[in-house]
Amino acid sequence: EHGTAIVLITHDLGVVAGMADRVQVMYAGRVVERASARDLFRAPLHP
C-alpha cells in the first residue's frame, strides 16, 4: 500500500525465505555472501 522498503534483521531463516527479495549474510562484521533469496536458498556458495 505504501511502497515501504524493509531491512529485515533476523536469525530465522524461515522468515527470510518467506519475506526477503535479497539476502546479505554477515560474519565477523563483514558481508560474506550476497544473493537473491531464491539463489541463496537454492545453492549457497559461502561455507
ModelCIF file with pLDDT and N, C-alpha, C, O atoms, coordinates in Angstrom:
data_MODEL
#
_entry.id   MODEL 
#
_entity.id                         1 
_entity.type                       polymer 
_entity.pdbx_number_of_molecules   1 
#
_entity_poly.entity_id                      1 
_entity_poly.type                           'polypeptide(L)' 
_entity_poly.nstd_linkage                   no 
_entity_poly.nstd_monomer                   no 
_entity_poly.pdbx_seq_one_letter_code       EHGTAIVLITHDLGVVAGMADRVQVMYAGRVVERASARDLFRAPLHP 
_entity_poly.pdbx_seq_one_letter_code_can   EHGTAIVLITHDLGVVAGMADRVQVMYAGRVVERASARDLFRAPLHP 
_entity_poly.pdbx_strand_id                 A 
#
loop_
_entity_poly_seq.entity_id 
_entity_poly_seq.num 
_entity_poly_seq.mon_id 
_entity_poly_seq.hetero 
1 1  GLU n 
1 2  HIS n 
1 3  GLY n 
1 4  THR n 
1 5  ALA n 
1 6  ILE n 
1 7  VAL n 
1 8  LEU n 
1 9  ILE n 
1 10 THR n 
1 11 HIS n 
1 12 ASP n 
1 13 LEU n 
1 14 GLY n 
1 15 VAL n 
1 16 VAL n 
1 17 ALA n 
1 18 GLY n 
1 19 MET n 
1 20 ALA n 
1 21 ASP n 
1 22 ARG n 
1 23 VAL n 
1 24 GLN n 
1 25 VAL n 
1 26 MET n 
1 27 TYR n 
1 28 ALA n 
1 29 GLY n 
1 30 ARG n 
1 31 VAL n 
1 32 VAL n 
1 33 GLU n 
1 34 ARG n 
1 35 ALA n 
1 36 SER n 
1 37 ALA n 
1 38 ARG n 
1 39 ASP n 
1 40 LEU n 
1 41 PHE n 
1 42 ARG n 
1 43 ALA n 
1 44 PRO n 
1 45 LEU n 
1 46 HIS n 
1 47 PRO n 
#
_struct_asym.id          A 
_struct_asym.entity_id   1 
#
loop_
_ma_qa_metric.id 
_ma_qa_metric.mode 
_ma_qa_metric.name 
_ma_qa_metric.software_group_id 
_ma_qa_metric.type 
1 global pLDDT . pLDDT 
2 local  pLDDT . pLDDT 
#
_ma_qa_metric_global.metric_id      1 
_ma_qa_metric_global.metric_value   92.43 
_ma_qa_metric_global.model_id       1 
_ma_qa_metric_global.ordinal_id     1 
#
loop_
_ma_qa_metric_local.label_asym_id 
_ma_qa_metric_local.label_comp_id 
_ma_qa_metric_local.label_seq_id 
_ma_qa_metric_local.metric_id 
_ma_qa_metric_local.metric_value 
_ma_qa_metric_local.model_id 
_ma_qa_metric_local.ordinal_id 
A GLU 1  2 86.00 1 1  
A HIS 2  2 86.00 1 2  
A GLY 3  2 89.00 1 3  
A THR 4  2 91.00 1 4  
A ALA 5  2 94.00 1 5  
A ILE 6  2 95.00 1 6  
A VAL 7  2 96.00 1 7  
A LEU 8  2 95.00 1 8  
A ILE 9  2 94.00 1 9  
A THR 10 2 89.00 1 10 
A HIS 11 2 85.00 1 11 
A ASP 12 2 85.00 1 12 
A LEU 13 2 88.00 1 13 
A GLY 14 2 87.00 1 14 
A VAL 15 2 89.00 1 15 
A VAL 16 2 93.00 1 16 
A ALA 17 2 91.00 1 17 
A GLY 18 2 90.00 1 18 
A MET 19 2 93.00 1 19 
A ALA 20 2 95.00 1 20 
A ASP 21 2 95.00 1 21 
A ARG 22 2 95.00 1 22 
A VAL 23 2 96.00 1 23 
A GLN 24 2 96.00 1 24 
A VAL 25 2 96.00 1 25 
A MET 26 2 96.00 1 26 
A TYR 27 2 96.00 1 27 
A ALA 28 2 94.00 1 28 
A GLY 29 2 95.00 1 29 
A ARG 30 2 95.00 1 30 
A VAL 31 2 96.00 1 31 
A VAL 32 2 95.00 1 32 
A GLU 33 2 95.00 1 33 
A ARG 34 2 95.00 1 34 
A ALA 35 2 94.00 1 35 
A SER 36 2 94.00 1 36 
A ALA 37 2 94.00 1 37 
A ARG 38 2 93.00 1 38 
A ASP 39 2 92.00 1 39 
A LEU 40 2 93.00 1 40 
A PHE 41 2 92.00 1 41 
A ARG 42 2 90.00 1 42 
A ALA 43 2 88.00 1 43 
A PRO 44 2 91.00 1 44 
A LEU 45 2 91.00 1 45 
A HIS 46 2 93.00 1 46 
A PRO 47 2 93.00 1 47 
#
loop_
_atom_site.group_PDB 
_atom_site.id 
_atom_site.type_symbol 
_atom_site.label_atom_id 
_atom_site.label_alt_id 
_atom_site.label_comp_id 
_atom_site.label_asym_id 
_atom_site.label_entity_id 
_atom_site.label_seq_id 
_atom_site.pdbx_PDB_ins_code 
_atom_site.Cartn_x 
_atom_site.Cartn_y 
_atom_site.Cartn_z 
_atom_site.occupancy 
_atom_site.B_iso_or_equiv 
_atom_site.pdbx_formal_charge 
_atom_site.auth_seq_id 
_atom_site.auth_comp_id 
_atom_site.auth_asym_id 
_atom_site.auth_atom_id 
_atom_site.pdbx_PDB_model_num 
ATOM 1   N N  . GLU A 1 1  ? 0.805  -1.218  0.000  1.00 86.00 ? 1  GLU A N  1 
ATOM 2   C CA . GLU A 1 1  ? 0.000  0.000   0.000  1.00 86.00 ? 1  GLU A CA 1 
ATOM 3   C C  . GLU A 1 1  ? 0.837  1.266   0.000  1.00 86.00 ? 1  GLU A C  1 
ATOM 4   O O  . GLU A 1 1  ? 0.401  2.289   -0.529 1.00 86.00 ? 1  GLU A O  1 
ATOM 5   N N  . HIS A 1 2  ? 2.049  1.221   0.591  1.00 86.00 ? 2  HIS A N  1 
ATOM 6   C CA . HIS A 1 2  ? 2.829  2.445   0.740  1.00 86.00 ? 2  HIS A CA 1 
ATOM 7   C C  . HIS A 1 2  ? 4.239  2.354   0.154  1.00 86.00 ? 2  HIS A C  1 
ATOM 8   O O  . HIS A 1 2  ? 5.006  3.313   0.237  1.00 86.00 ? 2  HIS A O  1 
ATOM 9   N N  . GLY A 1 3  ? 4.584  1.209   -0.437 1.00 89.00 ? 3  GLY A N  1 
ATOM 10  C CA . GLY A 1 3  ? 5.906  1.071   -1.038 1.00 89.00 ? 3  GLY A CA 1 
ATOM 11  C C  . GLY A 1 3  ? 7.043  1.066   -0.038 1.00 89.00 ? 3  GLY A C  1 
ATOM 12  O O  . GLY A 1 3  ? 8.172  1.419   -0.380 1.00 89.00 ? 3  GLY A O  1 
ATOM 13  N N  . THR A 1 4  ? 6.760  0.668   1.195  1.00 91.00 ? 4  THR A N  1 
ATOM 14  C CA . THR A 1 4  ? 7.782  0.657   2.236  1.00 91.00 ? 4  THR A CA 1 
ATOM 15  C C  . THR A 1 4  ? 8.899  -0.336  1.900  1.00 91.00 ? 4  THR A C  1 
ATOM 16  O O  . THR A 1 4  ? 8.640  -1.470  1.498  1.00 91.00 ? 4  THR A O  1 
ATOM 17  N N  . ALA A 1 5  ? 10.122 0.107   2.070  1.00 94.00 ? 5  ALA A N  1 
ATOM 18  C CA . ALA A 1 5  ? 11.279 -0.781  1.929  1.00 94.00 ? 5  ALA A CA 1 
ATOM 19  C C  . ALA A 1 5  ? 11.662 -1.286  3.307  1.00 94.00 ? 5  ALA A C  1 
ATOM 20  O O  . ALA A 1 5  ? 11.622 -0.529  4.277  1.00 94.00 ? 5  ALA A O  1 
ATOM 21  N N  . ILE A 1 6  ? 12.033 -2.562  3.408  1.00 95.00 ? 6  ILE A N  1 
ATOM 22  C CA . ILE A 1 6  ? 12.282 -3.185  4.706  1.00 95.00 ? 6  ILE A CA 1 
ATOM 23  C C  . ILE A 1 6  ? 13.681 -3.787  4.753  1.00 95.00 ? 6  ILE A C  1 
ATOM 24  O O  . ILE A 1 6  ? 14.096 -4.503  3.842  1.00 95.00 ? 6  ILE A O  1 
ATOM 25  N N  . VAL A 1 7  ? 14.397 -3.484  5.830  1.00 96.00 ? 7  VAL A N  1 
ATOM 26  C CA . VAL A 1 7  ? 15.635 -4.195  6.167  1.00 96.00 ? 7  VAL A CA 1 
ATOM 27  C C  . VAL A 1 7  ? 15.270 -5.150  7.296  1.00 96.00 ? 7  VAL A C  1 
ATOM 28  O O  . VAL A 1 7  ? 14.970 -4.715  8.407  1.00 96.00 ? 7  VAL A O  1 
ATOM 29  N N  . LEU A 1 8  ? 15.293 -6.435  7.018  1.00 95.00 ? 8  LEU A N  1 
ATOM 30  C CA . LEU A 1 8  ? 14.866 -7.456  7.974  1.00 95.00 ? 8  LEU A CA 1 
ATOM 31  C C  . LEU A 1 8  ? 16.085 -8.155  8.552  1.00 95.00 ? 8  LEU A C  1 
ATOM 32  O O  . LEU A 1 8  ? 16.762 -8.918  7.863  1.00 95.00 ? 8  LEU A O  1 
ATOM 33  N N  . ILE A 1 9  ? 16.358 -7.887  9.827  1.00 94.00 ? 9  ILE A N  1 
ATOM 34  C CA . ILE A 1 9  ? 17.499 -8.486  10.515 1.00 94.00 ? 9  ILE A CA 1 
ATOM 35  C C  . ILE A 1 9  ? 16.981 -9.627  11.378 1.00 94.00 ? 9  ILE A C  1 
ATOM 36  O O  . ILE A 1 9  ? 16.156 -9.407  12.265 1.00 94.00 ? 9  ILE A O  1 
ATOM 37  N N  . THR A 1 10 ? 17.450 -10.826 11.131 1.00 89.00 ? 10 THR A N  1 
ATOM 38  C CA . THR A 1 10 ? 16.901 -11.962 11.855 1.00 89.00 ? 10 THR A CA 1 
ATOM 39  C C  . THR A 1 10 ? 17.837 -13.161 11.789 1.00 89.00 ? 10 THR A C  1 
ATOM 40  O O  . THR A 1 10 ? 18.672 -13.269 10.891 1.00 89.00 ? 10 THR A O  1 
ATOM 41  N N  . HIS A 1 11 ? 17.679 -14.065 12.766 1.00 85.00 ? 11 HIS A N  1 
ATOM 42  C CA . HIS A 1 11 ? 18.379 -15.345 12.705 1.00 85.00 ? 11 HIS A CA 1 
ATOM 43  C C  . HIS A 1 11 ? 17.444 -16.417 12.150 1.00 85.00 ? 11 HIS A C  1 
ATOM 44  O O  . HIS A 1 11 ? 17.870 -17.549 11.917 1.00 85.00 ? 11 HIS A O  1 
ATOM 45  N N  . ASP A 1 12 ? 16.166 -16.067 11.934 1.00 85.00 ? 12 ASP A N  1 
ATOM 46  C CA . ASP A 1 12 ? 15.157 -17.027 11.494 1.00 85.00 ? 12 ASP A CA 1 
ATOM 47  C C  . ASP A 1 12 ? 15.173 -17.121 9.970  1.00 85.00 ? 12 ASP A C  1 
ATOM 48  O O  . ASP A 1 12 ? 14.611 -16.267 9.284  1.00 85.00 ? 12 ASP A O  1 
ATOM 49  N N  . LEU A 1 13 ? 15.814 -18.156 9.449  1.00 88.00 ? 13 LEU A N  1 
ATOM 50  C CA . LEU A 1 13 ? 15.941 -18.300 8.005  1.00 88.00 ? 13 LEU A CA 1 
ATOM 51  C C  . LEU A 1 13 ? 14.601 -18.587 7.331  1.00 88.00 ? 13 LEU A C  1 
ATOM 52  O O  . LEU A 1 13 ? 14.432 -18.303 6.146  1.00 88.00 ? 13 LEU A O  1 
ATOM 53  N N  . GLY A 1 14 ? 13.643 -19.150 8.082  1.00 87.00 ? 14 GLY A N  1 
ATOM 54  C CA . GLY A 1 14 ? 12.313 -19.361 7.528  1.00 87.00 ? 14 GLY A CA 1 
ATOM 55  C C  . GLY A 1 14 ? 11.622 -18.044 7.227  1.00 87.00 ? 14 GLY A C  1 
ATOM 56  O O  . GLY A 1 14 ? 10.974 -17.906 6.189  1.00 87.00 ? 14 GLY A O  1 
ATOM 57  N N  . VAL A 1 15 ? 11.754 -17.073 8.126  1.00 89.00 ? 15 VAL A N  1 
ATOM 58  C CA . VAL A 1 15 ? 11.188 -15.741 7.907  1.00 89.00 ? 15 VAL A CA 1 
ATOM 59  C C  . VAL A 1 15 ? 11.864 -15.076 6.709  1.00 89.00 ? 15 VAL A C  1 
ATOM 60  O O  . VAL A 1 15 ? 11.195 -14.445 5.892  1.00 89.00 ? 15 VAL A O  1 
ATOM 61  N N  . VAL A 1 16 ? 13.174 -15.211 6.603  1.00 93.00 ? 16 VAL A N  1 
ATOM 62  C CA . VAL A 1 16 ? 13.907 -14.640 5.475  1.00 93.00 ? 16 VAL A CA 1 
ATOM 63  C C  . VAL A 1 16 ? 13.429 -15.239 4.162  1.00 93.00 ? 16 VAL A C  1 
ATOM 64  O O  . VAL A 1 16 ? 13.215 -14.517 3.189  1.00 93.00 ? 16 VAL A O  1 
ATOM 65  N N  . ALA A 1 17 ? 13.260 -16.556 4.129  1.00 91.00 ? 17 ALA A N  1 
ATOM 66  C CA . ALA A 1 17 ? 12.822 -17.226 2.909  1.00 91.00 ? 17 ALA A CA 1 
ATOM 67  C C  . ALA A 1 17 ? 11.446 -16.737 2.468  1.00 91.00 ? 17 ALA A C  1 
ATOM 68  O O  . ALA A 1 17 ? 11.176 -16.632 1.271  1.00 91.00 ? 17 ALA A O  1 
ATOM 69  N N  . GLY A 1 18 ? 10.574 -16.436 3.437  1.00 90.00 ? 18 GLY A N  1 
ATOM 70  C CA . GLY A 1 18 ? 9.219  -16.015 3.108  1.00 90.00 ? 18 GLY A CA 1 
ATOM 71  C C  . GLY A 1 18 ? 9.071  -14.541 2.829  1.00 90.00 ? 18 GLY A C  1 
ATOM 72  O O  . GLY A 1 18 ? 8.098  -14.129 2.199  1.00 90.00 ? 18 GLY A O  1 
ATOM 73  N N  . MET A 1 19 ? 10.031 -13.719 3.290  1.00 93.00 ? 19 MET A N  1 
ATOM 74  C CA . MET A 1 19 ? 9.871  -12.264 3.209  1.00 93.00 ? 19 MET A CA 1 
ATOM 75  C C  . MET A 1 19 ? 10.862 -11.569 2.278  1.00 93.00 ? 19 MET A C  1 
ATOM 76  O O  . MET A 1 19 ? 10.494 -10.611 1.598  1.00 93.00 ? 19 MET A O  1 
ATOM 77  N N  . ALA A 1 20 ? 12.102 -12.031 2.235  1.00 95.00 ? 20 ALA A N  1 
ATOM 78  C CA . ALA A 1 20 ? 13.175 -11.247 1.612  1.00 95.00 ? 20 ALA A CA 1 
ATOM 79  C C  . ALA A 1 20 ? 13.242 -11.427 0.101  1.00 95.00 ? 20 ALA A C  1 
ATOM 80  O O  . ALA A 1 20 ? 12.995 -12.512 -0.425 1.00 95.00 ? 20 ALA A O  1 
ATOM 81  N N  . ASP A 1 21 ? 13.578 -10.346 -0.579 1.00 95.00 ? 21 ASP A N  1 
ATOM 82  C CA . ASP A 1 21 ? 13.896 -10.405 -2.008 1.00 95.00 ? 21 ASP A CA 1 
ATOM 83  C C  . ASP A 1 21 ? 15.379 -10.712 -2.200 1.00 95.00 ? 21 ASP A C  1 
ATOM 84  O O  . ASP A 1 21 ? 15.754 -11.519 -3.051 1.00 95.00 ? 21 ASP A O  1 
ATOM 85  N N  . ARG A 1 22 ? 16.220 -10.052 -1.392 1.00 95.00 ? 22 ARG A N  1 
ATOM 86  C CA . ARG A 1 22 ? 17.652 -10.285 -1.424 1.00 95.00 ? 22 ARG A CA 1 
ATOM 87  C C  . ARG A 1 22 ? 18.146 -10.531 -0.008 1.00 95.00 ? 22 ARG A C  1 
ATOM 88  O O  . ARG A 1 22 ? 17.495 -10.137 0.960  1.00 95.00 ? 22 ARG A O  1 
ATOM 89  N N  . VAL A 1 23 ? 19.305 -11.187 0.114  1.00 96.00 ? 23 VAL A N  1 
ATOM 90  C CA . VAL A 1 23 ? 19.858 -11.534 1.421  1.00 96.00 ? 23 VAL A CA 1 
ATOM 91  C C  . VAL A 1 23 ? 21.341 -11.186 1.455  1.00 96.00 ? 23 VAL A C  1 
ATOM 92  O O  . VAL A 1 23 ? 22.071 -11.399 0.487  1.00 96.00 ? 23 VAL A O  1 
ATOM 93  N N  . GLN A 1 24 ? 21.771 -10.640 2.606  1.00 96.00 ? 24 GLN A N  1 
ATOM 94  C CA . GLN A 1 24 ? 23.197 -10.469 2.884  1.00 96.00 ? 24 GLN A CA 1 
ATOM 95  C C  . GLN A 1 24 ? 23.528 -11.285 4.128  1.00 96.00 ? 24 GLN A C  1 
ATOM 96  O O  . GLN A 1 24 ? 22.868 -11.151 5.159  1.00 96.00 ? 24 GLN A O  1 
ATOM 97  N N  . VAL A 1 25 ? 24.539 -12.119 4.031  1.00 96.00 ? 25 VAL A N  1 
ATOM 98  C CA . VAL A 1 25 ? 24.979 -12.938 5.154  1.00 96.00 ? 25 VAL A CA 1 
ATOM 99  C C  . VAL A 1 25 ? 26.207 -12.287 5.759  1.00 96.00 ? 25 VAL A C  1 
ATOM 100 O O  . VAL A 1 25 ? 27.178 -12.005 5.056  1.00 96.00 ? 25 VAL A O  1 
ATOM 101 N N  . MET A 1 26 ? 26.167 -12.042 7.086  1.00 96.00 ? 26 MET A N  1 
ATOM 102 C CA . MET A 1 26 ? 27.280 -11.369 7.757  1.00 96.00 ? 26 MET A CA 1 
ATOM 103 C C  . MET A 1 26 ? 28.011 -12.324 8.688  1.00 96.00 ? 26 MET A C  1 
ATOM 104 O O  . MET A 1 26 ? 27.415 -13.189 9.331  1.00 96.00 ? 26 MET A O  1 
ATOM 105 N N  . TYR A 1 27 ? 29.318 -12.134 8.734  1.00 96.00 ? 27 TYR A N  1 
ATOM 106 C CA . TYR A 1 27 ? 30.151 -12.897 9.666  1.00 96.00 ? 27 TYR A CA 1 
ATOM 107 C C  . TYR A 1 27 ? 31.307 -12.008 10.099 1.00 96.00 ? 27 TYR A C  1 
ATOM 108 O O  . TYR A 1 27 ? 32.014 -11.447 9.262  1.00 96.00 ? 27 TYR A O  1 
ATOM 109 N N  . ALA A 1 28 ? 31.498 -11.881 11.406 1.00 94.00 ? 28 ALA A N  1 
ATOM 110 C CA . ALA A 1 28 ? 32.595 -11.084 11.977 1.00 94.00 ? 28 ALA A CA 1 
ATOM 111 C C  . ALA A 1 28 ? 32.626 -9.668  11.417 1.00 94.00 ? 28 ALA A C  1 
ATOM 112 O O  . ALA A 1 28 ? 33.692 -9.123  11.133 1.00 94.00 ? 28 ALA A O  1 
ATOM 113 N N  . GLY A 1 29 ? 31.435 -9.076  11.261 1.00 95.00 ? 29 GLY A N  1 
ATOM 114 C CA . GLY A 1 29 ? 31.349 -7.685  10.848 1.00 95.00 ? 29 GLY A CA 1 
ATOM 115 C C  . GLY A 1 29 ? 31.407 -7.428  9.362  1.00 95.00 ? 29 GLY A C  1 
ATOM 116 O O  . GLY A 1 29 ? 31.346 -6.276  8.932  1.00 95.00 ? 29 GLY A O  1 
ATOM 117 N N  . ARG A 1 30 ? 31.525 -8.484  8.562  1.00 95.00 ? 30 ARG A N  1 
ATOM 118 C CA . ARG A 1 30 ? 31.608 -8.311  7.110  1.00 95.00 ? 30 ARG A CA 1 
ATOM 119 C C  . ARG A 1 30 ? 30.520 -9.119  6.405  1.00 95.00 ? 30 ARG A C  1 
ATOM 120 O O  . ARG A 1 30 ? 30.058 -10.142 6.910  1.00 95.00 ? 30 ARG A O  1 
ATOM 121 N N  . VAL A 1 31 ? 30.125 -8.638  5.233  1.00 96.00 ? 31 VAL A N  1 
ATOM 122 C CA . VAL A 1 31 ? 29.229 -9.415  4.385  1.00 96.00 ? 31 VAL A CA 1 
ATOM 123 C C  . VAL A 1 31 ? 30.058 -10.484 3.691  1.00 96.00 ? 31 VAL A C  1 
ATOM 124 O O  . VAL A 1 31 ? 31.039 -10.175 3.015  1.00 96.00 ? 31 VAL A O  1 
ATOM 125 N N  . VAL A 1 32 ? 29.658 -11.750 3.859  1.00 95.00 ? 32 VAL A N  1 
ATOM 126 C CA . VAL A 1 32 ? 30.407 -12.846 3.231  1.00 95.00 ? 32 VAL A CA 1 
ATOM 127 C C  . VAL A 1 32 ? 29.677 -13.433 2.036  1.00 95.00 ? 32 VAL A C  1 
ATOM 128 O O  . VAL A 1 32 ? 30.286 -14.117 1.213  1.00 95.00 ? 32 VAL A O  1 
ATOM 129 N N  . GLU A 1 33 ? 28.370 -13.173 1.930  1.00 95.00 ? 33 GLU A N  1 
ATOM 130 C CA . GLU A 1 33 ? 27.640 -13.610 0.744  1.00 95.00 ? 33 GLU A CA 1 
ATOM 131 C C  . GLU A 1 33 ? 26.457 -12.681 0.522  1.00 95.00 ? 33 GLU A C  1 
ATOM 132 O O  . GLU A 1 33 ? 25.794 -12.242 1.461  1.00 95.00 ? 33 GLU A O  1 
ATOM 133 N N  . ARG A 1 34 ? 26.216 -12.398 -0.752 1.00 95.00 ? 34 ARG A N  1 
ATOM 134 C CA . ARG A 1 34 ? 25.099 -11.537 -1.155 1.00 95.00 ? 34 ARG A CA 1 
ATOM 135 C C  . ARG A 1 34 ? 24.431 -12.187 -2.353 1.00 95.00 ? 34 ARG A C  1 
ATOM 136 O O  . ARG A 1 34 ? 25.095 -12.531 -3.331 1.00 95.00 ? 34 ARG A O  1 
ATOM 137 N N  . ALA A 1 35 ? 23.103 -12.356 -2.278 1.00 94.00 ? 35 ALA A N  1 
ATOM 138 C CA . ALA A 1 35 ? 22.396 -13.041 -3.364 1.00 94.00 ? 35 ALA A CA 1 
ATOM 139 C C  . ALA A 1 35 ? 20.910 -12.763 -3.265 1.00 94.00 ? 35 ALA A C  1 
ATOM 140 O O  . ALA A 1 35 ? 20.425 -12.279 -2.242 1.00 94.00 ? 35 ALA A O  1 
ATOM 141 N N  . SER A 1 36 ? 20.189 -13.070 -4.331 1.00 94.00 ? 36 SER A N  1 
ATOM 142 C CA . SER A 1 36 ? 18.736 -13.082 -4.228 1.00 94.00 ? 36 SER A CA 1 
ATOM 143 C C  . SER A 1 36 ? 18.349 -14.205 -3.267 1.00 94.00 ? 36 SER A C  1 
ATOM 144 O O  . SER A 1 36 ? 19.086 -15.180 -3.121 1.00 94.00 ? 36 SER A O  1 
ATOM 145 N N  . ALA A 1 37 ? 17.203 -14.069 -2.618 1.00 94.00 ? 37 ALA A N  1 
ATOM 146 C CA . ALA A 1 37 ? 16.771 -15.108 -1.680 1.00 94.00 ? 37 ALA A CA 1 
ATOM 147 C C  . ALA A 1 37 ? 16.640 -16.452 -2.391 1.00 94.00 ? 37 ALA A C  1 
ATOM 148 O O  . ALA A 1 37 ? 16.994 -17.492 -1.833 1.00 94.00 ? 37 ALA A O  1 
ATOM 149 N N  . ARG A 1 38 ? 16.142 -16.429 -3.600 1.00 93.00 ? 38 ARG A N  1 
ATOM 150 C CA . ARG A 1 38 ? 15.970 -17.676 -4.354 1.00 93.00 ? 38 ARG A CA 1 
ATOM 151 C C  . ARG A 1 38 ? 17.303 -18.372 -4.579 1.00 93.00 ? 38 ARG A C  1 
ATOM 152 O O  . ARG A 1 38 ? 17.426 -19.573 -4.338 1.00 93.00 ? 38 ARG A O  1 
ATOM 153 N N  . ASP A 1 39 ? 18.313 -17.618 -5.042 1.00 92.00 ? 39 ASP A N  1 
ATOM 154 C CA . ASP A 1 39 ? 19.622 -18.213 -5.312 1.00 92.00 ? 39 ASP A CA 1 
ATOM 155 C C  . ASP A 1 39 ? 20.299 -18.685 -4.035 1.00 92.00 ? 39 ASP A C  1 
ATOM 156 O O  . ASP A 1 39 ? 20.933 -19.739 -4.015 1.00 92.00 ? 39 ASP A O  1 
ATOM 157 N N  . LEU A 1 40 ? 20.164 -17.902 -2.969 1.00 93.00 ? 40 LEU A N  1 
ATOM 158 C CA . LEU A 1 40 ? 20.840 -18.245 -1.720 1.00 93.00 ? 40 LEU A CA 1 
ATOM 159 C C  . LEU A 1 40 ? 20.331 -19.564 -1.151 1.00 93.00 ? 40 LEU A C  1 
ATOM 160 O O  . LEU A 1 40 ? 21.118 -20.416 -0.739 1.00 93.00 ? 40 LEU A O  1 
ATOM 161 N N  . PHE A 1 41 ? 19.009 -19.726 -1.131 1.00 92.00 ? 41 PHE A N  1 
ATOM 162 C CA . PHE A 1 41 ? 18.463 -20.953 -0.555 1.00 92.00 ? 41 PHE A CA 1 
ATOM 163 C C  . PHE A 1 41 ? 18.585 -22.138 -1.508 1.00 92.00 ? 41 PHE A C  1 
ATOM 164 O O  . PHE A 1 41 ? 18.640 -23.287 -1.069 1.00 92.00 ? 41 PHE A O  1 
ATOM 165 N N  . ARG A 1 42 ? 18.627 -21.865 -2.787 1.00 90.00 ? 42 ARG A N  1 
ATOM 166 C CA . ARG A 1 42 ? 18.769 -22.957 -3.750 1.00 90.00 ? 42 ARG A CA 1 
ATOM 167 C C  . ARG A 1 42 ? 20.190 -23.496 -3.767 1.00 90.00 ? 42 ARG A C  1 
ATOM 168 O O  . ARG A 1 42 ? 20.398 -24.708 -3.827 1.00 90.00 ? 42 ARG A O  1 
ATOM 169 N N  . ALA A 1 43 ? 21.181 -22.588 -3.713 1.00 88.00 ? 43 ALA A N  1 
ATOM 170 C CA . ALA A 1 43 ? 22.568 -23.028 -3.836 1.00 88.00 ? 43 ALA A CA 1 
ATOM 171 C C  . ALA A 1 43 ? 23.486 -22.044 -3.121 1.00 88.00 ? 43 ALA A C  1 
ATOM 172 O O  . ALA A 1 43 ? 24.080 -21.186 -3.773 1.00 88.00 ? 43 ALA A O  1 
ATOM 173 N N  . PRO A 1 44 ? 23.619 -22.145 -1.800 1.00 91.00 ? 44 PRO A N  1 
ATOM 174 C CA . PRO A 1 44 ? 24.531 -21.246 -1.074 1.00 91.00 ? 44 PRO A CA 1 
ATOM 175 C C  . PRO A 1 44 ? 25.970 -21.506 -1.490 1.00 91.00 ? 44 PRO A C  1 
ATOM 176 O O  . PRO A 1 44 ? 26.356 -22.648 -1.740 1.00 91.00 ? 44 PRO A O  1 
ATOM 177 N N  . LEU A 1 45 ? 26.768 -20.428 -1.564 1.00 91.00 ? 45 LEU A N  1 
ATOM 178 C CA . LEU A 1 45 ? 28.136 -20.561 -2.041 1.00 91.00 ? 45 LEU A CA 1 
ATOM 179 C C  . LEU A 1 45 ? 29.180 -20.443 -0.944 1.00 91.00 ? 45 LEU A C  1 
ATOM 180 O O  . LEU A 1 45 ? 30.211 -21.112 -1.015 1.00 91.00 ? 45 LEU A O  1 
ATOM 181 N N  . HIS A 1 46 ? 28.951 -19.623 0.058  1.00 93.00 ? 46 HIS A N  1 
ATOM 182 C CA . HIS A 1 46 ? 29.953 -19.477 1.114  1.00 93.00 ? 46 HIS A CA 1 
ATOM 183 C C  . HIS A 1 46 ? 29.811 -20.614 2.119  1.00 93.00 ? 46 HIS A C  1 
ATOM 184 O O  . HIS A 1 46 ? 28.686 -20.973 2.468  1.00 93.00 ? 46 HIS A O  1 
ATOM 185 N N  . PRO A 1 47 ? 30.906 -21.190 2.593  1.00 93.00 ? 47 PRO A N  1 
ATOM 186 C CA . PRO A 1 47 ? 30.813 -22.286 3.571  1.00 93.00 ? 47 PRO A CA 1 
ATOM 187 C C  . PRO A 1 47 ? 30.029 -21.904 4.835  1.00 93.00 ? 47 PRO A C  1 
ATOM 188 O O  . PRO A 1 47 ? 29.873 -22.726 5.737  1.00 93.00 ? 47 PRO A O  1 
#
